[in-house]
Structures are given as C-alpha cells and as structure tokens.
Amino acid sequence: MASTKAHHATGWAAGVIAAALVAHADAGGPYQVLSMLAFVMGALGGTAPDWLEVAWWAPTRRLWITHRTWTHWGLAWIALLVYTYLQLPHHLWAPPLFGFAAGGIMHLLADWPNPLGVPWIIRRHSLRWWKSGRHDLIVIGAAWLAATIVADHVFFDGIHGRRAMAFVQGWPLWSTGWMVDALDTFWQRLRAWRLGPGN
C-alpha cells in the first residue's frame, strides 16, 4: 500500500475534487456548506479503506476484515461515487457521501501500482509499477495535478490551464523553429571553424 502520509495527502486532493464537483453541480447549498463538507469527507475517505478494516471496538484493535478485500473493493466505491453524484442536486446527504467515495477511490488508485493490487471487480489487479511505500511523491503529485485541473476548470473556467499550456508551447525549448535555428547556427559555426578563415 502507499504510505499513510500519501493516503492523507491524496485524500485531501480528492476532497478538493469532490468540493469542486459539488459546486459545479450547484448542490453546495447556502455559502457552499455542502461543498466544504464534501471536501472534509473526501479527506476522510482517503484513508477509509484502511481504517474500516480495523475493529476499533476491540481492545487489541486487530483487523476484523482481511486487508485489501471488502473495504478495497473498487466496484463498490465506484457505485457509491456514481450514485451519490447523480443524487447531488436532490439530497443533502449526497455531497458528503460523494466526497467520501471520491476519497475512497483515490485511496484505491494510490494502492493500485504496488504488487498487492486492488480488487476492482472480482479478483485483485496490480499495475506492478513499484513496491509499497515507494514513489509516494509521484502518487501525491498526480493526485494534486488532477485536483488542480478540476478546480481550475470548475472555479476559473480553465484559464490557468490554458495559460500554462500557452507558456509551455511558447517556451523556446519546445519550439521546433528555435531548435532548428540553433542547430543550423551551430553547424554553420562548426563548418566555418573546420574550413578556417576566409573559406
């Protein structure tokens, strides 16, 4: 599994995504209270598949559900996400549950690359990219990139994304014309140096 810190960080990113989508669905209520609640529940859902396995009522706090089985079942989390999204404009309970489901799915996505995998439908599937707890910065960065893109699209009509793309496209390193001109100048100077002065 990804580290606990990674699950917390990606859970907060899921909360941002959930809050933005609740606001976009115009289900935030007065002062966007429900959007904020979706944000908090997204952060809580980011660690939920792990803490739902623990028997908190038992003195030993042992697992009462085998790790990465029922609480990590992707189909259930996706069904909860879709159902609550469809209910956003109609029920006050939908935004917090939507945030919780978004956090749960983000947790599964963070666990997916390591060898133990996640039971998305029936059996476990793993991307087998790296061992547990490694490359957490990649997982966190991808989660926050997704959160930034969604929030920018919902709250700012994508203006920051368009500006970033214009900046990258205008950067001389990515401009094909600049590279061709630089290589042409380099070859001309090399040729002049090899031929000597006056040639």
N, C-alpha and C. Protein backbone atom coordinates (compact mmCIF):
# COMPACT_ATOMS: atom_id res chain seq x y z
N MET A 1 0.83 -1.18 0.00
CA MET A 1 0.00 0.00 0.00
C MET A 1 0.87 1.23 0.00
N ALA A 2 0.30 2.32 -0.40
CA ALA A 2 1.01 3.58 -0.29
C ALA A 2 1.13 3.91 1.19
N SER A 3 2.03 4.81 1.54
CA SER A 3 2.21 5.15 2.95
C SER A 3 0.98 5.90 3.47
N THR A 4 0.86 5.94 4.79
CA THR A 4 -0.26 6.65 5.42
C THR A 4 -0.23 8.12 5.04
N LYS A 5 0.96 8.70 5.00
CA LYS A 5 1.07 10.12 4.62
C LYS A 5 0.60 10.34 3.19
N ALA A 6 0.92 9.40 2.31
CA ALA A 6 0.46 9.52 0.92
C ALA A 6 -1.05 9.43 0.84
N HIS A 7 -1.65 8.52 1.62
CA HIS A 7 -3.11 8.42 1.61
C HIS A 7 -3.77 9.68 2.17
N HIS A 8 -3.16 10.28 3.18
CA HIS A 8 -3.69 11.53 3.70
C HIS A 8 -3.60 12.64 2.64
N ALA A 9 -2.44 12.75 2.00
CA ALA A 9 -2.23 13.80 1.01
C ALA A 9 -3.14 13.63 -0.21
N THR A 10 -3.29 12.40 -0.68
CA THR A 10 -4.17 12.17 -1.82
C THR A 10 -5.63 12.30 -1.43
N GLY A 11 -5.95 12.02 -0.16
CA GLY A 11 -7.31 12.22 0.32
C GLY A 11 -7.70 13.68 0.30
N TRP A 12 -6.79 14.56 0.68
CA TRP A 12 -7.06 15.99 0.61
C TRP A 12 -7.28 16.42 -0.84
N ALA A 13 -6.50 15.85 -1.75
CA ALA A 13 -6.70 16.16 -3.17
C ALA A 13 -8.07 15.69 -3.64
N ALA A 14 -8.48 14.50 -3.18
CA ALA A 14 -9.82 14.00 -3.52
C ALA A 14 -10.89 14.92 -2.95
N GLY A 15 -10.65 15.48 -1.77
CA GLY A 15 -11.58 16.42 -1.18
C GLY A 15 -11.74 17.67 -2.03
N VAL A 16 -10.64 18.17 -2.57
CA VAL A 16 -10.70 19.33 -3.47
C VAL A 16 -11.52 19.00 -4.71
N ILE A 17 -11.27 17.83 -5.29
CA ILE A 17 -12.02 17.41 -6.48
C ILE A 17 -13.51 17.29 -6.15
N ALA A 18 -13.84 16.66 -5.02
CA ALA A 18 -15.24 16.48 -4.64
C ALA A 18 -15.91 17.83 -4.41
N ALA A 19 -15.25 18.73 -3.69
CA ALA A 19 -15.84 20.04 -3.42
C ALA A 19 -16.09 20.81 -4.72
N ALA A 20 -15.14 20.72 -5.65
CA ALA A 20 -15.31 21.42 -6.93
C ALA A 20 -16.48 20.83 -7.72
N LEU A 21 -16.60 19.51 -7.73
CA LEU A 21 -17.70 18.89 -8.48
C LEU A 21 -19.05 19.12 -7.83
N VAL A 22 -19.09 19.19 -6.51
CA VAL A 22 -20.34 19.52 -5.82
C VAL A 22 -20.74 20.96 -6.15
N ALA A 23 -19.78 21.87 -6.14
CA ALA A 23 -20.08 23.26 -6.50
C ALA A 23 -20.53 23.36 -7.95
N HIS A 24 -19.88 22.60 -8.82
CA HIS A 24 -20.24 22.61 -10.24
C HIS A 24 -21.66 22.08 -10.46
N ALA A 25 -22.06 21.10 -9.65
CA ALA A 25 -23.41 20.55 -9.76
C ALA A 25 -24.44 21.46 -9.09
N ASP A 26 -23.96 22.58 -8.54
CA ASP A 26 -24.81 23.55 -7.86
C ASP A 26 -25.57 22.90 -6.71
N ALA A 27 -24.89 22.01 -6.00
CA ALA A 27 -25.50 21.31 -4.88
C ALA A 27 -24.87 21.74 -3.57
N GLY A 28 -24.17 22.87 -3.58
CA GLY A 28 -23.44 23.31 -2.39
C GLY A 28 -24.28 23.96 -1.34
N GLY A 29 -25.49 24.34 -1.65
CA GLY A 29 -26.34 24.97 -0.65
C GLY A 29 -25.86 26.37 -0.31
N PRO A 30 -26.45 26.98 0.71
CA PRO A 30 -26.04 28.34 1.09
C PRO A 30 -24.60 28.38 1.56
N TYR A 31 -23.85 29.34 1.06
CA TYR A 31 -22.45 29.54 1.41
C TYR A 31 -21.58 28.32 1.11
N GLN A 32 -22.06 27.50 0.25
CA GLN A 32 -21.30 26.33 -0.19
C GLN A 32 -20.91 25.42 0.98
N VAL A 33 -21.79 25.33 1.97
CA VAL A 33 -21.52 24.50 3.15
C VAL A 33 -21.34 23.04 2.76
N LEU A 34 -22.18 22.56 1.87
CA LEU A 34 -22.08 21.15 1.49
C LEU A 34 -20.82 20.87 0.66
N SER A 35 -20.35 21.86 -0.08
CA SER A 35 -19.08 21.70 -0.79
C SER A 35 -17.93 21.54 0.20
N MET A 36 -17.97 22.33 1.26
CA MET A 36 -16.93 22.22 2.28
C MET A 36 -17.02 20.86 3.00
N LEU A 37 -18.23 20.40 3.23
CA LEU A 37 -18.41 19.10 3.87
C LEU A 37 -17.92 17.98 2.95
N ALA A 38 -18.16 18.12 1.64
CA ALA A 38 -17.65 17.14 0.68
C ALA A 38 -16.12 17.13 0.71
N PHE A 39 -15.51 18.31 0.87
CA PHE A 39 -14.06 18.41 0.96
C PHE A 39 -13.53 17.63 2.17
N VAL A 40 -14.13 17.87 3.34
CA VAL A 40 -13.70 17.20 4.57
C VAL A 40 -13.90 15.69 4.46
N MET A 41 -15.05 15.28 3.93
CA MET A 41 -15.33 13.85 3.80
C MET A 41 -14.42 13.19 2.76
N GLY A 42 -14.00 13.94 1.74
CA GLY A 42 -13.03 13.41 0.78
C GLY A 42 -11.70 13.11 1.44
N ALA A 43 -11.28 14.03 2.33
CA ALA A 43 -10.04 13.80 3.07
C ALA A 43 -10.18 12.59 3.99
N LEU A 44 -11.33 12.44 4.62
CA LEU A 44 -11.58 11.29 5.49
C LEU A 44 -11.64 9.99 4.68
N GLY A 45 -12.28 10.05 3.52
CA GLY A 45 -12.39 8.88 2.66
C GLY A 45 -11.06 8.42 2.09
N GLY A 46 -10.09 9.33 2.04
CA GLY A 46 -8.77 8.98 1.52
C GLY A 46 -8.06 7.91 2.33
N THR A 47 -8.43 7.78 3.59
CA THR A 47 -7.83 6.74 4.44
C THR A 47 -8.85 5.67 4.83
N ALA A 48 -10.10 5.84 4.44
CA ALA A 48 -11.19 4.95 4.89
C ALA A 48 -10.99 3.48 4.57
N PRO A 49 -10.55 3.09 3.37
CA PRO A 49 -10.42 1.65 3.12
C PRO A 49 -9.52 0.94 4.12
N ASP A 50 -8.56 1.64 4.69
CA ASP A 50 -7.68 1.01 5.69
C ASP A 50 -8.31 1.02 7.08
N TRP A 51 -8.87 2.15 7.53
CA TRP A 51 -9.40 2.17 8.90
C TRP A 51 -10.73 1.44 9.03
N LEU A 52 -11.42 1.20 7.94
CA LEU A 52 -12.65 0.41 8.02
C LEU A 52 -12.36 -1.06 8.30
N GLU A 53 -11.12 -1.49 8.09
CA GLU A 53 -10.74 -2.88 8.35
C GLU A 53 -10.46 -3.16 9.82
N VAL A 54 -10.27 -2.11 10.60
CA VAL A 54 -9.83 -2.26 12.00
C VAL A 54 -11.04 -2.38 12.92
N ALA A 55 -10.98 -3.31 13.83
CA ALA A 55 -12.03 -3.47 14.85
C ALA A 55 -11.76 -2.47 15.97
N TRP A 56 -12.27 -1.26 15.83
CA TRP A 56 -12.00 -0.20 16.80
C TRP A 56 -12.59 -0.50 18.16
N TRP A 57 -13.64 -1.32 18.20
CA TRP A 57 -14.30 -1.65 19.46
C TRP A 57 -13.54 -2.70 20.26
N ALA A 58 -12.63 -3.42 19.64
CA ALA A 58 -11.87 -4.47 20.33
C ALA A 58 -10.67 -3.85 21.05
N PRO A 59 -10.30 -4.37 22.20
CA PRO A 59 -9.16 -3.81 22.93
C PRO A 59 -7.84 -3.92 22.16
N THR A 60 -7.70 -4.95 21.33
CA THR A 60 -6.45 -5.13 20.58
C THR A 60 -6.45 -4.37 19.26
N ARG A 61 -7.59 -3.90 18.86
CA ARG A 61 -7.73 -3.15 17.59
C ARG A 61 -7.13 -3.92 16.41
N ARG A 62 -7.43 -5.17 16.36
CA ARG A 62 -6.95 -6.02 15.26
C ARG A 62 -7.87 -5.84 14.05
N LEU A 63 -7.44 -6.42 12.93
CA LEU A 63 -8.25 -6.36 11.73
C LEU A 63 -9.43 -7.32 11.86
N TRP A 64 -10.61 -6.86 11.52
CA TRP A 64 -11.77 -7.75 11.52
C TRP A 64 -12.15 -8.10 10.08
N ILE A 65 -11.54 -7.40 9.12
CA ILE A 65 -11.69 -7.70 7.69
C ILE A 65 -10.28 -7.83 7.13
N THR A 66 -10.03 -8.85 6.34
CA THR A 66 -8.70 -9.05 5.75
C THR A 66 -8.32 -7.83 4.92
N HIS A 67 -7.04 -7.45 5.04
CA HIS A 67 -6.56 -6.25 4.34
C HIS A 67 -6.73 -6.38 2.83
N ARG A 68 -7.18 -5.30 2.25
CA ARG A 68 -7.41 -5.17 0.81
C ARG A 68 -8.38 -6.20 0.27
N THR A 69 -9.47 -6.37 0.97
CA THR A 69 -10.54 -7.23 0.45
C THR A 69 -11.80 -6.37 0.30
N TRP A 70 -12.77 -6.54 1.19
CA TRP A 70 -14.06 -5.86 1.05
C TRP A 70 -13.95 -4.34 1.09
N THR A 71 -13.12 -3.81 1.96
CA THR A 71 -13.03 -2.35 2.08
C THR A 71 -12.29 -1.72 0.90
N HIS A 72 -11.59 -2.52 0.13
CA HIS A 72 -10.87 -2.03 -1.04
C HIS A 72 -11.55 -2.46 -2.35
N TRP A 73 -12.76 -2.90 -2.28
CA TRP A 73 -13.45 -3.38 -3.47
C TRP A 73 -13.84 -2.19 -4.35
N GLY A 74 -13.19 -2.08 -5.49
CA GLY A 74 -13.36 -0.93 -6.36
C GLY A 74 -14.76 -0.74 -6.88
N LEU A 75 -15.44 -1.83 -7.23
CA LEU A 75 -16.79 -1.73 -7.78
C LEU A 75 -17.74 -1.05 -6.80
N ALA A 76 -17.62 -1.35 -5.52
CA ALA A 76 -18.49 -0.73 -4.51
C ALA A 76 -18.22 0.76 -4.38
N TRP A 77 -16.94 1.15 -4.38
CA TRP A 77 -16.59 2.56 -4.27
C TRP A 77 -17.05 3.33 -5.50
N ILE A 78 -16.89 2.74 -6.69
CA ILE A 78 -17.33 3.40 -7.92
C ILE A 78 -18.85 3.54 -7.93
N ALA A 79 -19.56 2.49 -7.51
CA ALA A 79 -21.03 2.55 -7.46
C ALA A 79 -21.49 3.65 -6.50
N LEU A 80 -20.84 3.76 -5.34
CA LEU A 80 -21.18 4.81 -4.39
C LEU A 80 -20.92 6.19 -4.98
N LEU A 81 -19.80 6.34 -5.67
CA LEU A 81 -19.46 7.62 -6.29
C LEU A 81 -20.49 8.01 -7.34
N VAL A 82 -20.83 7.10 -8.23
CA VAL A 82 -21.78 7.40 -9.31
C VAL A 82 -23.17 7.70 -8.73
N TYR A 83 -23.62 6.86 -7.80
CA TYR A 83 -24.95 7.05 -7.24
C TYR A 83 -25.07 8.39 -6.52
N THR A 84 -24.07 8.71 -5.69
CA THR A 84 -24.15 9.97 -4.96
C THR A 84 -23.99 11.17 -5.89
N TYR A 85 -23.21 11.03 -6.95
CA TYR A 85 -23.10 12.14 -7.91
C TYR A 85 -24.46 12.42 -8.56
N LEU A 86 -25.17 11.37 -8.92
CA LEU A 86 -26.49 11.55 -9.53
C LEU A 86 -27.49 12.15 -8.54
N GLN A 87 -27.27 11.96 -7.26
CA GLN A 87 -28.17 12.48 -6.23
C GLN A 87 -27.78 13.86 -5.71
N LEU A 88 -26.67 14.41 -6.19
CA LEU A 88 -26.17 15.68 -5.65
C LEU A 88 -27.21 16.80 -5.62
N PRO A 89 -27.94 17.06 -6.71
CA PRO A 89 -28.88 18.20 -6.67
C PRO A 89 -30.14 17.91 -5.86
N HIS A 90 -30.37 16.66 -5.47
CA HIS A 90 -31.65 16.28 -4.89
C HIS A 90 -31.63 16.05 -3.38
N HIS A 91 -30.49 15.66 -2.81
CA HIS A 91 -30.46 15.28 -1.40
C HIS A 91 -29.26 15.91 -0.70
N LEU A 92 -29.47 16.34 0.54
CA LEU A 92 -28.40 16.95 1.33
C LEU A 92 -27.35 15.94 1.78
N TRP A 93 -27.70 14.67 1.85
CA TRP A 93 -26.74 13.65 2.27
C TRP A 93 -25.79 13.26 1.14
N ALA A 94 -26.13 13.61 -0.10
CA ALA A 94 -25.32 13.17 -1.23
C ALA A 94 -23.92 13.82 -1.29
N PRO A 95 -23.78 15.13 -1.10
CA PRO A 95 -22.42 15.71 -1.19
C PRO A 95 -21.40 15.12 -0.22
N PRO A 96 -21.73 14.93 1.07
CA PRO A 96 -20.72 14.31 1.95
C PRO A 96 -20.36 12.89 1.53
N LEU A 97 -21.36 12.10 1.14
CA LEU A 97 -21.06 10.73 0.70
C LEU A 97 -20.29 10.72 -0.62
N PHE A 98 -20.58 11.68 -1.48
CA PHE A 98 -19.82 11.80 -2.73
C PHE A 98 -18.35 12.08 -2.43
N GLY A 99 -18.09 13.00 -1.50
CA GLY A 99 -16.72 13.29 -1.10
C GLY A 99 -16.03 12.07 -0.51
N PHE A 100 -16.75 11.34 0.34
CA PHE A 100 -16.21 10.13 0.97
C PHE A 100 -15.84 9.10 -0.10
N ALA A 101 -16.72 8.91 -1.08
CA ALA A 101 -16.46 7.96 -2.17
C ALA A 101 -15.27 8.40 -3.02
N ALA A 102 -15.17 9.71 -3.28
CA ALA A 102 -14.04 10.22 -4.06
C ALA A 102 -12.72 9.94 -3.33
N GLY A 103 -12.72 10.13 -2.01
CA GLY A 103 -11.53 9.82 -1.24
C GLY A 103 -11.19 8.34 -1.26
N GLY A 104 -12.23 7.50 -1.17
CA GLY A 104 -12.00 6.05 -1.22
C GLY A 104 -11.41 5.61 -2.54
N ILE A 105 -11.90 6.17 -3.63
CA ILE A 105 -11.37 5.81 -4.95
C ILE A 105 -9.93 6.31 -5.10
N MET A 106 -9.67 7.49 -4.57
CA MET A 106 -8.29 8.00 -4.62
C MET A 106 -7.36 7.06 -3.84
N HIS A 107 -7.83 6.52 -2.73
CA HIS A 107 -7.05 5.55 -1.95
C HIS A 107 -6.73 4.32 -2.80
N LEU A 108 -7.73 3.81 -3.49
CA LEU A 108 -7.52 2.63 -4.33
C LEU A 108 -6.54 2.92 -5.46
N LEU A 109 -6.65 4.09 -6.06
CA LEU A 109 -5.72 4.46 -7.13
C LEU A 109 -4.29 4.55 -6.61
N ALA A 110 -4.13 5.01 -5.36
CA ALA A 110 -2.79 5.09 -4.77
C ALA A 110 -2.23 3.70 -4.46
N ASP A 111 -3.11 2.74 -4.14
CA ASP A 111 -2.67 1.37 -3.85
C ASP A 111 -2.46 0.52 -5.11
N TRP A 112 -3.06 0.90 -6.19
CA TRP A 112 -3.06 0.09 -7.41
C TRP A 112 -1.67 -0.21 -7.98
N PRO A 113 -0.72 0.74 -7.98
CA PRO A 113 0.58 0.44 -8.62
C PRO A 113 1.44 -0.60 -7.92
N ASN A 114 1.20 -0.90 -6.64
CA ASN A 114 2.09 -1.83 -5.96
C ASN A 114 1.64 -3.28 -6.12
N PRO A 115 2.52 -4.24 -5.83
CA PRO A 115 2.27 -5.64 -6.18
C PRO A 115 1.01 -6.28 -5.59
N LEU A 116 0.58 -5.86 -4.40
CA LEU A 116 -0.60 -6.47 -3.80
C LEU A 116 -1.87 -6.14 -4.59
N GLY A 117 -1.89 -4.98 -5.20
CA GLY A 117 -3.01 -4.62 -6.07
C GLY A 117 -4.30 -4.31 -5.33
N VAL A 118 -5.36 -4.16 -6.10
CA VAL A 118 -6.68 -3.78 -5.60
C VAL A 118 -7.72 -4.66 -6.28
N PRO A 119 -8.70 -5.17 -5.52
CA PRO A 119 -9.78 -5.95 -6.14
C PRO A 119 -10.82 -5.02 -6.77
N TRP A 120 -10.61 -4.62 -8.01
CA TRP A 120 -11.52 -3.67 -8.65
C TRP A 120 -12.89 -4.30 -8.90
N ILE A 121 -12.92 -5.49 -9.48
CA ILE A 121 -14.21 -6.13 -9.78
C ILE A 121 -14.36 -7.40 -8.96
N ILE A 122 -13.60 -8.42 -9.26
CA ILE A 122 -13.69 -9.67 -8.51
C ILE A 122 -12.33 -10.02 -7.90
N ARG A 123 -11.32 -10.14 -8.73
CA ARG A 123 -10.00 -10.51 -8.24
C ARG A 123 -9.10 -9.28 -8.25
N ARG A 124 -8.01 -9.41 -7.51
CA ARG A 124 -7.05 -8.31 -7.42
C ARG A 124 -6.36 -8.05 -8.75
N HIS A 125 -6.07 -6.80 -8.97
CA HIS A 125 -5.28 -6.42 -10.13
C HIS A 125 -4.22 -5.43 -9.67
N SER A 126 -3.01 -5.60 -10.15
CA SER A 126 -1.91 -4.72 -9.80
C SER A 126 -1.24 -4.21 -11.06
N LEU A 127 -0.85 -2.95 -11.04
CA LEU A 127 -0.07 -2.40 -12.15
C LEU A 127 1.39 -2.84 -12.06
N ARG A 128 1.82 -3.26 -10.86
CA ARG A 128 3.19 -3.74 -10.61
C ARG A 128 4.26 -2.73 -11.05
N TRP A 129 4.03 -1.48 -10.71
CA TRP A 129 4.99 -0.44 -11.06
C TRP A 129 6.10 -0.30 -10.03
N TRP A 130 5.74 -0.46 -8.74
CA TRP A 130 6.73 -0.32 -7.68
C TRP A 130 6.22 -0.97 -6.41
N LYS A 131 7.14 -1.15 -5.45
CA LYS A 131 6.78 -1.77 -4.18
C LYS A 131 6.07 -0.75 -3.29
N SER A 132 5.37 -1.28 -2.30
CA SER A 132 4.58 -0.44 -1.39
C SER A 132 5.43 0.63 -0.72
N GLY A 133 4.87 1.83 -0.65
CA GLY A 133 5.53 2.93 0.04
C GLY A 133 6.58 3.66 -0.76
N ARG A 134 6.91 3.15 -1.93
CA ARG A 134 7.91 3.81 -2.77
C ARG A 134 7.21 4.72 -3.76
N HIS A 135 7.89 5.75 -4.18
CA HIS A 135 7.39 6.68 -5.18
C HIS A 135 6.09 7.35 -4.76
N ASP A 136 5.95 7.61 -3.47
CA ASP A 136 4.75 8.29 -2.99
C ASP A 136 4.61 9.68 -3.59
N LEU A 137 5.73 10.33 -3.88
CA LEU A 137 5.66 11.68 -4.45
C LEU A 137 5.00 11.67 -5.83
N ILE A 138 5.19 10.60 -6.58
CA ILE A 138 4.54 10.50 -7.89
C ILE A 138 3.03 10.40 -7.70
N VAL A 139 2.60 9.56 -6.76
CA VAL A 139 1.18 9.38 -6.49
C VAL A 139 0.56 10.68 -6.00
N ILE A 140 1.23 11.34 -5.05
CA ILE A 140 0.72 12.59 -4.50
C ILE A 140 0.69 13.67 -5.57
N GLY A 141 1.75 13.76 -6.36
CA GLY A 141 1.80 14.76 -7.43
C GLY A 141 0.70 14.56 -8.46
N ALA A 142 0.45 13.31 -8.83
CA ALA A 142 -0.62 13.02 -9.80
C ALA A 142 -1.99 13.39 -9.23
N ALA A 143 -2.21 13.08 -7.94
CA ALA A 143 -3.49 13.40 -7.30
C ALA A 143 -3.71 14.91 -7.25
N TRP A 144 -2.68 15.65 -6.88
CA TRP A 144 -2.83 17.10 -6.79
C TRP A 144 -2.87 17.76 -8.16
N LEU A 145 -2.24 17.17 -9.14
CA LEU A 145 -2.38 17.69 -10.51
C LEU A 145 -3.82 17.55 -10.97
N ALA A 146 -4.42 16.38 -10.71
CA ALA A 146 -5.83 16.17 -11.06
C ALA A 146 -6.72 17.15 -10.30
N ALA A 147 -6.45 17.37 -9.01
CA ALA A 147 -7.24 18.30 -8.22
C ALA A 147 -7.12 19.73 -8.75
N THR A 148 -5.91 20.11 -9.14
CA THR A 148 -5.69 21.45 -9.68
C THR A 148 -6.44 21.64 -11.00
N ILE A 149 -6.38 20.64 -11.86
CA ILE A 149 -7.07 20.74 -13.16
C ILE A 149 -8.58 20.84 -12.96
N VAL A 150 -9.14 19.99 -12.09
CA VAL A 150 -10.59 20.02 -11.86
C VAL A 150 -11.01 21.35 -11.24
N ALA A 151 -10.29 21.79 -10.21
CA ALA A 151 -10.63 23.05 -9.54
C ALA A 151 -10.49 24.23 -10.50
N ASP A 152 -9.46 24.24 -11.31
CA ASP A 152 -9.28 25.30 -12.29
C ASP A 152 -10.43 25.32 -13.30
N HIS A 153 -10.83 24.15 -13.75
CA HIS A 153 -11.92 24.06 -14.72
C HIS A 153 -13.24 24.54 -14.11
N VAL A 154 -13.52 24.14 -12.88
CA VAL A 154 -14.80 24.48 -12.25
C VAL A 154 -14.84 25.93 -11.79
N PHE A 155 -13.81 26.38 -11.08
CA PHE A 155 -13.86 27.69 -10.45
C PHE A 155 -13.32 28.82 -11.33
N PHE A 156 -12.44 28.51 -12.27
CA PHE A 156 -11.80 29.56 -13.07
C PHE A 156 -11.97 29.36 -14.57
N ASP A 157 -12.86 28.47 -14.95
CA ASP A 157 -13.15 28.19 -16.36
C ASP A 157 -11.91 27.77 -17.14
N GLY A 158 -10.97 27.13 -16.45
CA GLY A 158 -9.79 26.58 -17.11
C GLY A 158 -8.76 27.58 -17.55
N ILE A 159 -8.84 28.84 -17.09
CA ILE A 159 -7.93 29.88 -17.57
C ILE A 159 -6.48 29.59 -17.20
N HIS A 160 -6.24 29.05 -16.02
CA HIS A 160 -4.86 28.78 -15.61
C HIS A 160 -4.25 27.63 -16.41
N GLY A 161 -5.06 26.64 -16.74
CA GLY A 161 -4.58 25.54 -17.58
C GLY A 161 -4.22 26.03 -18.97
N ARG A 162 -5.06 26.90 -19.52
CA ARG A 162 -4.76 27.45 -20.85
C ARG A 162 -3.51 28.31 -20.83
N ARG A 163 -3.33 29.09 -19.77
CA ARG A 163 -2.12 29.91 -19.66
C ARG A 163 -0.87 29.04 -19.52
N ALA A 164 -0.98 27.98 -18.74
CA ALA A 164 0.16 27.07 -18.58
C ALA A 164 0.53 26.43 -19.90
N MET A 165 -0.47 25.99 -20.67
CA MET A 165 -0.19 25.39 -21.97
C MET A 165 0.41 26.40 -22.94
N ALA A 166 -0.08 27.63 -22.92
CA ALA A 166 0.49 28.67 -23.79
C ALA A 166 1.94 28.95 -23.40
N PHE A 167 2.23 28.95 -22.10
CA PHE A 167 3.59 29.17 -21.64
C PHE A 167 4.51 28.05 -22.12
N VAL A 168 4.06 26.81 -21.96
CA VAL A 168 4.88 25.65 -22.36
C VAL A 168 5.09 25.66 -23.87
N GLN A 169 4.03 25.97 -24.62
CA GLN A 169 4.17 25.98 -26.08
C GLN A 169 5.05 27.12 -26.55
N GLY A 170 5.09 28.23 -25.83
CA GLY A 170 5.91 29.37 -26.22
C GLY A 170 7.32 29.31 -25.69
N TRP A 171 7.61 28.35 -24.84
CA TRP A 171 8.94 28.22 -24.27
C TRP A 171 9.91 27.80 -25.35
N PRO A 172 11.03 28.48 -25.51
CA PRO A 172 11.94 28.20 -26.63
C PRO A 172 12.40 26.74 -26.73
N LEU A 173 12.52 26.07 -25.61
CA LEU A 173 13.00 24.69 -25.66
C LEU A 173 12.04 23.79 -26.43
N TRP A 174 10.72 24.08 -26.35
CA TRP A 174 9.73 23.24 -27.01
C TRP A 174 9.43 23.71 -28.42
N SER A 175 9.89 24.88 -28.78
CA SER A 175 9.60 25.42 -30.10
C SER A 175 10.52 24.78 -31.14
N THR A 176 9.93 24.12 -32.10
CA THR A 176 10.71 23.43 -33.12
C THR A 176 11.55 24.42 -33.93
N GLY A 177 10.98 25.57 -34.25
CA GLY A 177 11.70 26.58 -35.03
C GLY A 177 12.96 27.04 -34.32
N TRP A 178 12.88 27.25 -33.03
CA TRP A 178 14.03 27.68 -32.25
C TRP A 178 15.12 26.63 -32.28
N MET A 179 14.73 25.39 -32.13
CA MET A 179 15.71 24.31 -32.12
C MET A 179 16.39 24.17 -33.48
N VAL A 180 15.61 24.28 -34.54
CA VAL A 180 16.17 24.20 -35.90
C VAL A 180 17.15 25.33 -36.14
N ASP A 181 16.77 26.55 -35.74
CA ASP A 181 17.66 27.70 -35.91
C ASP A 181 18.95 27.53 -35.11
N ALA A 182 18.84 27.04 -33.88
CA ALA A 182 20.02 26.85 -33.05
C ALA A 182 20.95 25.80 -33.64
N LEU A 183 20.38 24.68 -34.12
CA LEU A 183 21.21 23.64 -34.74
C LEU A 183 21.85 24.14 -36.02
N ASP A 184 21.10 24.90 -36.82
CA ASP A 184 21.65 25.44 -38.07
C ASP A 184 22.82 26.38 -37.78
N THR A 185 22.67 27.25 -36.79
CA THR A 185 23.76 28.16 -36.41
C THR A 185 24.97 27.38 -35.92
N PHE A 186 24.72 26.35 -35.11
CA PHE A 186 25.81 25.52 -34.59
C PHE A 186 26.58 24.87 -35.74
N TRP A 187 25.86 24.28 -36.72
CA TRP A 187 26.54 23.60 -37.83
C TRP A 187 27.29 24.59 -38.70
N GLN A 188 26.73 25.79 -38.90
CA GLN A 188 27.42 26.81 -39.70
C GLN A 188 28.73 27.22 -39.03
N ARG A 189 28.67 27.42 -37.71
CA ARG A 189 29.88 27.82 -36.99
C ARG A 189 30.92 26.69 -36.98
N LEU A 190 30.47 25.47 -36.83
CA LEU A 190 31.38 24.33 -36.85
C LEU A 190 32.04 24.21 -38.23
N ARG A 191 31.26 24.38 -39.27
CA ARG A 191 31.80 24.29 -40.63
C ARG A 191 32.82 25.40 -40.89
N ALA A 192 32.48 26.62 -40.43
CA ALA A 192 33.40 27.74 -40.61
C ALA A 192 34.69 27.51 -39.84
N TRP A 193 34.61 26.95 -38.66
CA TRP A 193 35.80 26.69 -37.86
C TRP A 193 36.69 25.63 -38.51
N ARG A 194 36.06 24.57 -39.05
CA ARG A 194 36.83 23.49 -39.67
C ARG A 194 37.48 23.94 -40.97
N LEU A 195 36.78 24.77 -41.74
CA LEU A 195 37.34 25.22 -43.01
C LEU A 195 38.39 26.31 -42.83
N GLY A 196 38.33 26.98 -41.70
CA GLY A 196 39.31 28.03 -41.43
C GLY A 196 38.82 29.38 -41.96
N PRO A 197 39.55 30.44 -41.61
CA PRO A 197 39.15 31.79 -42.03
C PRO A 197 39.30 31.98 -43.54
N GLY A 198 38.37 32.74 -44.08
CA GLY A 198 38.42 33.07 -45.50
C GLY A 198 37.79 32.04 -46.40
N ASN A 199 37.30 30.91 -45.93
CA ASN A 199 36.69 29.88 -46.78
C ASN A 199 35.21 29.86 -46.65
